[in-house]
Amino acid sequence: MSRKPARWMCTLDERILEHLSDNPWSTPRHMSQVIKLIASRGRVDERCQLLSQVGLVAPIFEDSNMYEITCEGTEYLDGELDVGNRPTPSPRALRG
């Protein structure tokens, strides 16, 4: 099945989800070092926060920067979830 991304999603989001699918959890710092795209820790952290707002990833602990993929994130990777049908995340809600 093909994946159904939302308009706001970017290639980095796909790589984050794929990385978390292969690893039980990870931090934006670690992902920025291992994902095969040039992305800063801050950019990966921002994308993780947006993905968290729509339920594709979740912090392991409240206000943590350690993330894991959710069931919905796995469903998206498997082509079973259309993220375009989910509410658009708010960049204003990013913690900084």
PDB file of N, CA and C in Angstrom:
ATOM      1  N   MET A   1       0.843  -1.187   0.000  1.00  0.00           N
ATOM      2  CA  MET A   1       0.000   0.000   0.000  1.00  0.00           C
ATOM      3  C   MET A   1       0.884   1.245   0.000  1.00  0.00           C
ATOM      4  N   SER A   2       0.364   2.280  -0.596  1.00  0.00           N
ATOM      5  CA  SER A   2       1.143   3.522  -0.584  1.00  0.00           C
ATOM      6  C   SER A   2       0.731   4.380   0.611  1.00  0.00           C
ATOM      7  N   ARG A   3       1.674   5.145   1.089  1.00  0.00           N
ATOM      8  CA  ARG A   3       1.432   6.011   2.238  1.00  0.00           C
ATOM      9  C   ARG A   3       0.604   7.217   1.830  1.00  0.00           C
ATOM     10  N   LYS A   4      -0.169   7.720   2.787  1.00  0.00           N
ATOM     11  CA  LYS A   4      -1.051   8.851   2.530  1.00  0.00           C
ATOM     12  C   LYS A   4      -0.660  10.008   3.453  1.00  0.00           C
ATOM     13  N   PRO A   5       0.352  10.790   3.057  1.00  0.00           N
ATOM     14  CA  PRO A   5       0.797  11.896   3.909  1.00  0.00           C
ATOM     15  C   PRO A   5      -0.154  13.092   3.847  1.00  0.00           C
ATOM     16  N   ALA A   6      -0.031  13.946   4.823  1.00  0.00           N
ATOM     17  CA  ALA A   6      -0.763  15.212   4.826  1.00  0.00           C
ATOM     18  C   ALA A   6       0.077  16.252   4.085  1.00  0.00           C
ATOM     19  N   ARG A   7      -0.543  17.333   3.679  1.00  0.00           N
ATOM     20  CA  ARG A   7       0.165  18.398   2.952  1.00  0.00           C
ATOM     21  C   ARG A   7       1.308  19.001   3.752  1.00  0.00           C
ATOM     22  N   TRP A   8       1.174  19.038   5.064  1.00  0.00           N
ATOM     23  CA  TRP A   8       2.188  19.680   5.902  1.00  0.00           C
ATOM     24  C   TRP A   8       3.408  18.781   6.132  1.00  0.00           C
ATOM     25  N   MET A   9       3.303  17.508   5.785  1.00  0.00           N
ATOM     26  CA  MET A   9       4.401  16.566   6.043  1.00  0.00           C
ATOM     27  C   MET A   9       5.540  16.751   5.038  1.00  0.00           C
ATOM     28  N   CYS A  10       6.748  16.380   5.483  1.00  0.00           N
ATOM     29  CA  CYS A  10       7.925  16.474   4.622  1.00  0.00           C
ATOM     30  C   CYS A  10       8.693  15.147   4.671  1.00  0.00           C
ATOM     31  N   THR A  11       9.698  15.033   3.836  1.00  0.00           N
ATOM     32  CA  THR A  11      10.492  13.807   3.751  1.00  0.00           C
ATOM     33  C   THR A  11      11.107  13.448   5.096  1.00  0.00           C
ATOM     34  N   LEU A  12      11.521  14.442   5.858  1.00  0.00           N
ATOM     35  CA  LEU A  12      12.113  14.189   7.167  1.00  0.00           C
ATOM     36  C   LEU A  12      11.136  13.449   8.082  1.00  0.00           C
ATOM     37  N   ASP A  13       9.858  13.781   7.999  1.00  0.00           N
ATOM     38  CA  ASP A  13       8.849  13.098   8.822  1.00  0.00           C
ATOM     39  C   ASP A  13       8.838  11.597   8.524  1.00  0.00           C
ATOM     40  N   GLU A  14       8.917  11.256   7.247  1.00  0.00           N
ATOM     41  CA  GLU A  14       8.946   9.846   6.847  1.00  0.00           C
ATOM     42  C   GLU A  14      10.174   9.150   7.443  1.00  0.00           C
ATOM     43  N   ARG A  15      11.331   9.795   7.357  1.00  0.00           N
ATOM     44  CA  ARG A  15      12.562   9.190   7.879  1.00  0.00           C
ATOM     45  C   ARG A  15      12.492   9.027   9.384  1.00  0.00           C
ATOM     46  N   ILE A  16      11.916  10.004  10.092  1.00  0.00           N
ATOM     47  CA  ILE A  16      11.763   9.897  11.549  1.00  0.00           C
ATOM     48  C   ILE A  16      10.896   8.690  11.886  1.00  0.00           C
ATOM     49  N   LEU A  17       9.765   8.566  11.215  1.00  0.00           N
ATOM     50  CA  LEU A  17       8.861   7.446  11.479  1.00  0.00           C
ATOM     51  C   LEU A  17       9.520   6.108  11.152  1.00  0.00           C
ATOM     52  N   GLU A  18      10.239   6.057  10.049  1.00  0.00           N
ATOM     53  CA  GLU A  18      10.938   4.811   9.692  1.00  0.00           C
ATOM     54  C   GLU A  18      11.999   4.463  10.729  1.00  0.00           C
ATOM     55  N   HIS A  19      12.736   5.476  11.193  1.00  0.00           N
ATOM     56  CA  HIS A  19      13.762   5.236  12.209  1.00  0.00           C
ATOM     57  C   HIS A  19      13.125   4.706  13.492  1.00  0.00           C
ATOM     58  N   LEU A  20      12.038   5.342  13.929  1.00  0.00           N
ATOM     59  CA  LEU A  20      11.379   4.902  15.162  1.00  0.00           C
ATOM     60  C   LEU A  20      10.706   3.544  14.993  1.00  0.00           C
ATOM     61  N   SER A  21      10.353   3.195  13.770  1.00  0.00           N
ATOM     62  CA  SER A  21       9.784   1.875  13.516  1.00  0.00           C
ATOM     63  C   SER A  21      10.838   0.783  13.715  1.00  0.00           C
ATOM     64  N   ASP A  22      12.085   1.124  13.432  1.00  0.00           N
ATOM     65  CA  ASP A  22      13.186   0.158  13.557  1.00  0.00           C
ATOM     66  C   ASP A  22      13.854   0.174  14.932  1.00  0.00           C
ATOM     67  N   ASN A  23      13.548   1.182  15.743  1.00  0.00           N
ATOM     68  CA  ASN A  23      14.174   1.347  17.063  1.00  0.00           C
ATOM     69  C   ASN A  23      13.083   1.587  18.095  1.00  0.00           C
ATOM     70  N   PRO A  24      13.214   1.053  19.300  1.00  0.00           N
ATOM     71  CA  PRO A  24      12.155   1.208  20.292  1.00  0.00           C
ATOM     72  C   PRO A  24      11.917   2.665  20.701  1.00  0.00           C
ATOM     73  N   TRP A  25      12.950   3.479  20.668  1.00  0.00           N
ATOM     74  CA  TRP A  25      12.827   4.905  20.973  1.00  0.00           C
ATOM     75  C   TRP A  25      14.095   5.602  20.503  1.00  0.00           C
ATOM     76  N   SER A  26      14.019   6.930  20.410  1.00  0.00           N
ATOM     77  CA  SER A  26      15.194   7.699  20.005  1.00  0.00           C
ATOM     78  C   SER A  26      14.993   9.152  20.392  1.00  0.00           C
ATOM     79  N   THR A  27      16.077   9.896  20.359  1.00  0.00           N
ATOM     80  CA  THR A  27      16.032  11.337  20.643  1.00  0.00           C
ATOM     81  C   THR A  27      16.275  12.109  19.354  1.00  0.00           C
ATOM     82  N   PRO A  28      15.808  13.356  19.267  1.00  0.00           N
ATOM     83  CA  PRO A  28      16.093  14.169  18.090  1.00  0.00           C
ATOM     84  C   PRO A  28      17.598  14.304  17.823  1.00  0.00           C
ATOM     85  N   ARG A  29      18.387  14.395  18.873  1.00  0.00           N
ATOM     86  CA  ARG A  29      19.839  14.506  18.695  1.00  0.00           C
ATOM     87  C   ARG A  29      20.390  13.275  17.975  1.00  0.00           C
ATOM     88  N   HIS A  30      20.009  12.092  18.455  1.00  0.00           N
ATOM     89  CA  HIS A  30      20.488  10.853  17.840  1.00  0.00           C
ATOM     90  C   HIS A  30      19.978  10.743  16.398  1.00  0.00           C
ATOM     91  N   MET A  31      18.702  11.037  16.196  1.00  0.00           N
ATOM     92  CA  MET A  31      18.137  10.927  14.855  1.00  0.00           C
ATOM     93  C   MET A  31      18.808  11.888  13.882  1.00  0.00           C
ATOM     94  N   SER A  32      19.149  13.084  14.336  1.00  0.00           N
ATOM     95  CA  SER A  32      19.805  14.046  13.440  1.00  0.00           C
ATOM     96  C   SER A  32      21.174  13.541  13.000  1.00  0.00           C
ATOM     97  N   GLN A  33      21.759  12.651  13.776  1.00  0.00           N
ATOM     98  CA  GLN A  33      23.074  12.098  13.442  1.00  0.00           C
ATOM     99  C   GLN A  33      22.975  10.872  12.537  1.00  0.00           C
ATOM    100  N   VAL A  34      21.886  10.120  12.611  1.00  0.00           N
ATOM    101  CA  VAL A  34      21.806   8.853  11.869  1.00  0.00           C
ATOM    102  C   VAL A  34      20.870   8.871  10.663  1.00  0.00           C
ATOM    103  N   ILE A  35      19.910   9.779  10.630  1.00  0.00           N
ATOM    104  CA  ILE A  35      19.000   9.834   9.492  1.00  0.00           C
ATOM    105  C   ILE A  35      19.767  10.347   8.284  1.00  0.00           C
ATOM    106  N   LYS A  36      19.536   9.742   7.149  1.00  0.00           N
ATOM    107  CA  LYS A  36      20.298  10.035   5.935  1.00  0.00           C
ATOM    108  C   LYS A  36      19.859  11.322   5.240  1.00  0.00           C
ATOM    109  N   LEU A  37      19.488  12.311   5.996  1.00  0.00           N
ATOM    110  CA  LEU A  37      19.179  13.638   5.482  1.00  0.00           C
ATOM    111  C   LEU A  37      19.926  14.645   6.339  1.00  0.00           C
ATOM    112  N   ILE A  38      20.229  15.765   5.762  1.00  0.00           N
ATOM    113  CA  ILE A  38      20.886  16.804   6.558  1.00  0.00           C
ATOM    114  C   ILE A  38      19.797  17.543   7.332  1.00  0.00           C
ATOM    115  N   ALA A  39      19.780  17.327   8.632  1.00  0.00           N
ATOM    116  CA  ALA A  39      18.781  17.960   9.490  1.00  0.00           C
ATOM    117  C   ALA A  39      19.398  18.196  10.857  1.00  0.00           C
ATOM    118  N   SER A  40      19.208  19.386  11.372  1.00  0.00           N
ATOM    119  CA  SER A  40      19.740  19.710  12.696  1.00  0.00           C
ATOM    120  C   SER A  40      18.913  19.040  13.776  1.00  0.00           C
ATOM    121  N   ARG A  41      19.476  18.982  14.972  1.00  0.00           N
ATOM    122  CA  ARG A  41      18.743  18.437  16.115  1.00  0.00           C
ATOM    123  C   ARG A  41      17.469  19.244  16.332  1.00  0.00           C
ATOM    124  N   GLY A  42      17.568  20.558  16.207  1.00  0.00           N
ATOM    125  CA  GLY A  42      16.401  21.422  16.399  1.00  0.00           C
ATOM    126  C   GLY A  42      15.303  21.151  15.390  1.00  0.00           C
ATOM    127  N   ARG A  43      15.684  20.927  14.144  1.00  0.00           N
ATOM    128  CA  ARG A  43      14.702  20.630  13.091  1.00  0.00           C
ATOM    129  C   ARG A  43      14.033  19.280  13.344  1.00  0.00           C
ATOM    130  N   VAL A  44      14.809  18.274  13.727  1.00  0.00           N
ATOM    131  CA  VAL A  44      14.235  16.952  14.026  1.00  0.00           C
ATOM    132  C   VAL A  44      13.315  17.062  15.245  1.00  0.00           C
ATOM    133  N   ASP A  45      13.720  17.824  16.260  1.00  0.00           N
ATOM    134  CA  ASP A  45      12.886  18.017  17.445  1.00  0.00           C
ATOM    135  C   ASP A  45      11.560  18.676  17.062  1.00  0.00           C
ATOM    136  N   GLU A  46      11.625  19.695  16.226  1.00  0.00           N
ATOM    137  CA  GLU A  46      10.413  20.383  15.763  1.00  0.00           C
ATOM    138  C   GLU A  46       9.480  19.418  15.036  1.00  0.00           C
ATOM    139  N   ARG A  47      10.021  18.604  14.152  1.00  0.00           N
ATOM    140  CA  ARG A  47       9.202  17.657  13.397  1.00  0.00           C
ATOM    141  C   ARG A  47       8.610  16.590  14.326  1.00  0.00           C
ATOM    142  N   CYS A  48       9.380  16.143  15.312  1.00  0.00           N
ATOM    143  CA  CYS A  48       8.858  15.169  16.283  1.00  0.00           C
ATOM    144  C   CYS A  48       7.685  15.757  17.065  1.00  0.00           C
ATOM    145  N   GLN A  49       7.793  17.021  17.434  1.00  0.00           N
ATOM    146  CA  GLN A  49       6.701  17.665  18.162  1.00  0.00           C
ATOM    147  C   GLN A  49       5.446  17.747  17.297  1.00  0.00           C
ATOM    148  N   LEU A  50       5.611  18.078  16.014  1.00  0.00           N
ATOM    149  CA  LEU A  50       4.455  18.134  15.114  1.00  0.00           C
ATOM    150  C   LEU A  50       3.849  16.742  14.916  1.00  0.00           C
ATOM    151  N   LEU A  51       4.705  15.746  14.719  1.00  0.00           N
ATOM    152  CA  LEU A  51       4.215  14.369  14.567  1.00  0.00           C
ATOM    153  C   LEU A  51       3.507  13.895  15.834  1.00  0.00           C
ATOM    154  N   SER A  52       3.968  14.378  16.979  1.00  0.00           N
ATOM    155  CA  SER A  52       3.344  14.027  18.251  1.00  0.00           C
ATOM    156  C   SER A  52       1.946  14.648  18.360  1.00  0.00           C
ATOM    157  N   GLN A  53       1.787  15.864  17.861  1.00  0.00           N
ATOM    158  CA  GLN A  53       0.482  16.533  17.912  1.00  0.00           C
ATOM    159  C   GLN A  53      -0.600  15.760  17.164  1.00  0.00           C
ATOM    160  N   VAL A  54      -0.219  15.044  16.102  1.00  0.00           N
ATOM    161  CA  VAL A  54      -1.203  14.280  15.331  1.00  0.00           C
ATOM    162  C   VAL A  54      -1.210  12.799  15.708  1.00  0.00           C
ATOM    163  N   GLY A  55      -0.418  12.429  16.722  1.00  0.00           N
ATOM    164  CA  GLY A  55      -0.470  11.083  17.262  1.00  0.00           C
ATOM    165  C   GLY A  55       0.344  10.031  16.534  1.00  0.00           C
ATOM    166  N   LEU A  56       1.308  10.441  15.689  1.00  0.00           N
ATOM    167  CA  LEU A  56       2.128   9.459  14.980  1.00  0.00           C
ATOM    168  C   LEU A  56       3.335   9.025  15.800  1.00  0.00           C
ATOM    169  N   VAL A  57       3.827   9.893  16.672  1.00  0.00           N
ATOM    170  CA  VAL A  57       4.878   9.557  17.625  1.00  0.00           C
ATOM    171  C   VAL A  57       4.437  10.093  18.986  1.00  0.00           C
ATOM    172  N   ALA A  58       5.105   9.645  20.027  1.00  0.00           N
ATOM    173  CA  ALA A  58       4.770  10.113  21.371  1.00  0.00           C
ATOM    174  C   ALA A  58       6.033  10.153  22.215  1.00  0.00           C
ATOM    175  N   PRO A  59       6.133  11.172  23.091  1.00  0.00           N
ATOM    176  CA  PRO A  59       7.256  11.154  24.024  1.00  0.00           C
ATOM    177  C   PRO A  59       7.108   9.975  24.975  1.00  0.00           C
ATOM    178  N   ILE A  60       8.216   9.373  25.331  1.00  0.00           N
ATOM    179  CA  ILE A  60       8.171   8.220  26.235  1.00  0.00           C
ATOM    180  C   ILE A  60       7.677   8.642  27.616  1.00  0.00           C
ATOM    181  N   PHE A  61       8.107   9.804  28.060  1.00  0.00           N
ATOM    182  CA  PHE A  61       7.658  10.388  29.326  1.00  0.00           C
ATOM    183  C   PHE A  61       7.121  11.777  29.026  1.00  0.00           C
ATOM    184  N   GLU A  62       6.243  12.293  29.866  1.00  0.00           N
ATOM    185  CA  GLU A  62       5.699  13.625  29.662  1.00  0.00           C
ATOM    186  C   GLU A  62       6.828  14.658  29.583  1.00  0.00           C
ATOM    187  N   ASP A  63       6.752  15.530  28.599  1.00  0.00           N
ATOM    188  CA  ASP A  63       7.757  16.586  28.355  1.00  0.00           C
ATOM    189  C   ASP A  63       9.154  16.028  28.112  1.00  0.00           C
ATOM    190  N   SER A  64       9.246  14.811  27.617  1.00  0.00           N
ATOM    191  CA  SER A  64      10.530  14.181  27.321  1.00  0.00           C
ATOM    192  C   SER A  64      10.909  14.448  25.871  1.00  0.00           C
ATOM    193  N   ASN A  65      12.195  14.383  25.577  1.00  0.00           N
ATOM    194  CA  ASN A  65      12.617  14.483  24.181  1.00  0.00           C
ATOM    195  C   ASN A  65      13.025  13.099  23.649  1.00  0.00           C
ATOM    196  N   MET A  66      12.537  12.054  24.288  1.00  0.00           N
ATOM    197  CA  MET A  66      12.726  10.689  23.815  1.00  0.00           C
ATOM    198  C   MET A  66      11.386  10.237  23.230  1.00  0.00           C
ATOM    199  N   TYR A  67      11.404   9.867  21.950  1.00  0.00           N
ATOM    200  CA  TYR A  67      10.161   9.552  21.246  1.00  0.00           C
ATOM    201  C   TYR A  67      10.097   8.097  20.831  1.00  0.00           C
ATOM    202  N   GLU A  68       8.843   7.605  20.720  1.00  0.00           N
ATOM    203  CA  GLU A  68       8.578   6.278  20.177  1.00  0.00           C
ATOM    204  C   GLU A  68       7.447   6.417  19.164  1.00  0.00           C
ATOM    205  N   ILE A  69       7.387   5.477  18.235  1.00  0.00           N
ATOM    206  CA  ILE A  69       6.308   5.491  17.245  1.00  0.00           C
ATOM    207  C   ILE A  69       5.050   4.940  17.907  1.00  0.00           C
ATOM    208  N   THR A  70       3.903   5.460  17.503  1.00  0.00           N
ATOM    209  CA  THR A  70       2.621   4.984  18.031  1.00  0.00           C
ATOM    210  C   THR A  70       2.023   3.960  17.064  1.00  0.00           C
ATOM    211  N   CYS A  71       0.929   3.342  17.470  1.00  0.00           N
ATOM    212  CA  CYS A  71       0.212   2.421  16.578  1.00  0.00           C
ATOM    213  C   CYS A  71      -0.227   3.154  15.307  1.00  0.00           C
ATOM    214  N   GLU A  72      -0.668   4.418  15.468  1.00  0.00           N
ATOM    215  CA  GLU A  72      -1.079   5.206  14.309  1.00  0.00           C
ATOM    216  C   GLU A  72       0.105   5.480  13.384  1.00  0.00           C
ATOM    217  N   GLY A  73       1.282   5.703  13.955  1.00  0.00           N
ATOM    218  CA  GLY A  73       2.472   5.909  13.148  1.00  0.00           C
ATOM    219  C   GLY A  73       2.811   4.674  12.332  1.00  0.00           C
ATOM    220  N   THR A  74       2.674   3.520  12.950  1.00  0.00           N
ATOM    221  CA  THR A  74       2.912   2.256  12.243  1.00  0.00           C
ATOM    222  C   THR A  74       1.861   2.047  11.157  1.00  0.00           C
ATOM    223  N   GLU A  75       0.605   2.371  11.463  1.00  0.00           N
ATOM    224  CA  GLU A  75      -0.452   2.250  10.461  1.00  0.00           C
ATOM    225  C   GLU A  75      -0.166   3.165   9.268  1.00  0.00           C
ATOM    226  N   TYR A  76       0.331   4.369   9.533  1.00  0.00           N
ATOM    227  CA  TYR A  76       0.685   5.279   8.434  1.00  0.00           C
ATOM    228  C   TYR A  76       1.778   4.656   7.562  1.00  0.00           C
ATOM    229  N   LEU A  77       2.839   4.146   8.198  1.00  0.00           N
ATOM    230  CA  LEU A  77       3.928   3.542   7.429  1.00  0.00           C
ATOM    231  C   LEU A  77       3.436   2.361   6.595  1.00  0.00           C
ATOM    232  N   ASP A  78       2.445   1.648   7.099  1.00  0.00           N
ATOM    233  CA  ASP A  78       1.893   0.491   6.390  1.00  0.00           C
ATOM    234  C   ASP A  78       0.857   0.889   5.327  1.00  0.00           C
ATOM    235  N   GLY A  79       0.593   2.199   5.200  1.00  0.00           N
ATOM    236  CA  GLY A  79      -0.377   2.675   4.214  1.00  0.00           C
ATOM    237  C   GLY A  79      -1.816   2.517   4.632  1.00  0.00           C
ATOM    238  N   GLU A  80      -2.045   2.296   5.923  1.00  0.00           N
ATOM    239  CA  GLU A  80      -3.399   2.060   6.429  1.00  0.00           C
ATOM    240  C   GLU A  80      -4.044   3.300   7.037  1.00  0.00           C
ATOM    241  N   LEU A  81      -3.304   4.399   7.150  1.00  0.00           N
ATOM    242  CA  LEU A  81      -3.819   5.613   7.787  1.00  0.00           C
ATOM    243  C   LEU A  81      -3.560   6.801   6.869  1.00  0.00           C
ATOM    244  N   ASP A  82      -4.610   7.555   6.589  1.00  0.00           N
ATOM    245  CA  ASP A  82      -4.503   8.774   5.787  1.00  0.00           C
ATOM    246  C   ASP A  82      -4.326   9.951   6.750  1.00  0.00           C
ATOM    247  N   VAL A  83      -3.105  10.450   6.838  1.00  0.00           N
ATOM    248  CA  VAL A  83      -2.814  11.534   7.788  1.00  0.00           C
ATOM    249  C   VAL A  83      -3.494  12.832   7.357  1.00  0.00           C
ATOM    250  N   GLY A  84      -3.832  12.948   6.080  1.00  0.00           N
ATOM    251  CA  GLY A  84      -4.539  14.128   5.596  1.00  0.00           C
ATOM    252  C   GLY A  84      -5.901  14.311   6.244  1.00  0.00           C
ATOM    253  N   ASN A  85      -6.448  13.246   6.825  1.00  0.00           N
ATOM    254  CA  ASN A  85      -7.744  13.324   7.505  1.00  0.00           C
ATOM    255  C   ASN A  85      -7.613  13.721   8.973  1.00  0.00           C
ATOM    256  N   ARG A  86      -6.397  13.924   9.437  1.00  0.00           N
ATOM    257  CA  ARG A  86      -6.174  14.313  10.833  1.00  0.00           C
ATOM    258  C   ARG A  86      -6.060  15.834  10.922  1.00  0.00           C
ATOM    259  N   PRO A  87      -6.325  16.408  12.087  1.00  0.00           N
ATOM    260  CA  PRO A  87      -6.161  17.862  12.229  1.00  0.00           C
ATOM    261  C   PRO A  87      -4.711  18.275  11.962  1.00  0.00           C
ATOM    262  N   THR A  88      -4.541  19.434  11.371  1.00  0.00           N
ATOM    263  CA  THR A  88      -3.213  19.963  11.086  1.00  0.00           C
ATOM    264  C   THR A  88      -2.565  20.404  12.395  1.00  0.00           C
ATOM    265  N   PRO A  89      -1.316  20.018  12.637  1.00  0.00           N
ATOM    266  CA  PRO A  89      -0.650  20.438  13.881  1.00  0.00           C
ATOM    267  C   PRO A  89      -0.366  21.937  13.865  1.00  0.00           C
ATOM    268  N   SER A  90      -0.222  22.496  15.046  1.00  0.00           N
ATOM    269  CA  SER A  90       0.014  23.926  15.177  1.00  0.00           C
ATOM    270  C   SER A  90       1.480  24.209  15.526  1.00  0.00           C
ATOM    271  N   PRO A  91       2.208  24.878  14.620  1.00  0.00           N
ATOM    272  CA  PRO A  91       3.597  25.242  14.956  1.00  0.00           C
ATOM    273  C   PRO A  91       3.680  26.154  16.183  1.00  0.00           C
ATOM    274  N   ARG A  92       2.599  26.880  16.487  1.00  0.00           N
ATOM    275  CA  ARG A  92       2.594  27.766  17.665  1.00  0.00           C
ATOM    276  C   ARG A  92       2.634  26.994  18.968  1.00  0.00           C
ATOM    277  N   ALA A  93       2.207  25.735  18.911  1.00  0.00           N
ATOM    278  CA  ALA A  93       2.182  24.908  20.131  1.00  0.00           C
ATOM    279  C   ALA A  93       3.517  24.249  20.424  1.00  0.00           C
ATOM    280  N   LEU A  94       4.518  24.479  19.578  1.00  0.00           N
ATOM    281  CA  LEU A  94       5.828  23.861  19.802  1.00  0.00           C
ATOM    282  C   LEU A  94       6.443  24.427  21.083  1.00  0.00           C
ATOM    283  N   ARG A  95       7.003  23.524  21.863  1.00  0.00           N
ATOM    284  CA  ARG A  95       7.697  23.996  23.060  1.00  0.00           C
ATOM    285  C   ARG A  95       9.110  24.399  22.633  1.00  0.00           C
ATOM    286  N   GLY A  96       9.581  25.444  23.167  1.00  0.00           N
ATOM    287  CA  GLY A  96      10.878  25.905  22.699  1.00  0.00           C
ATOM    288  C   GLY A  96      11.735  26.326  23.760  1.00  0.00           C
TER     289      GLY A  96
END
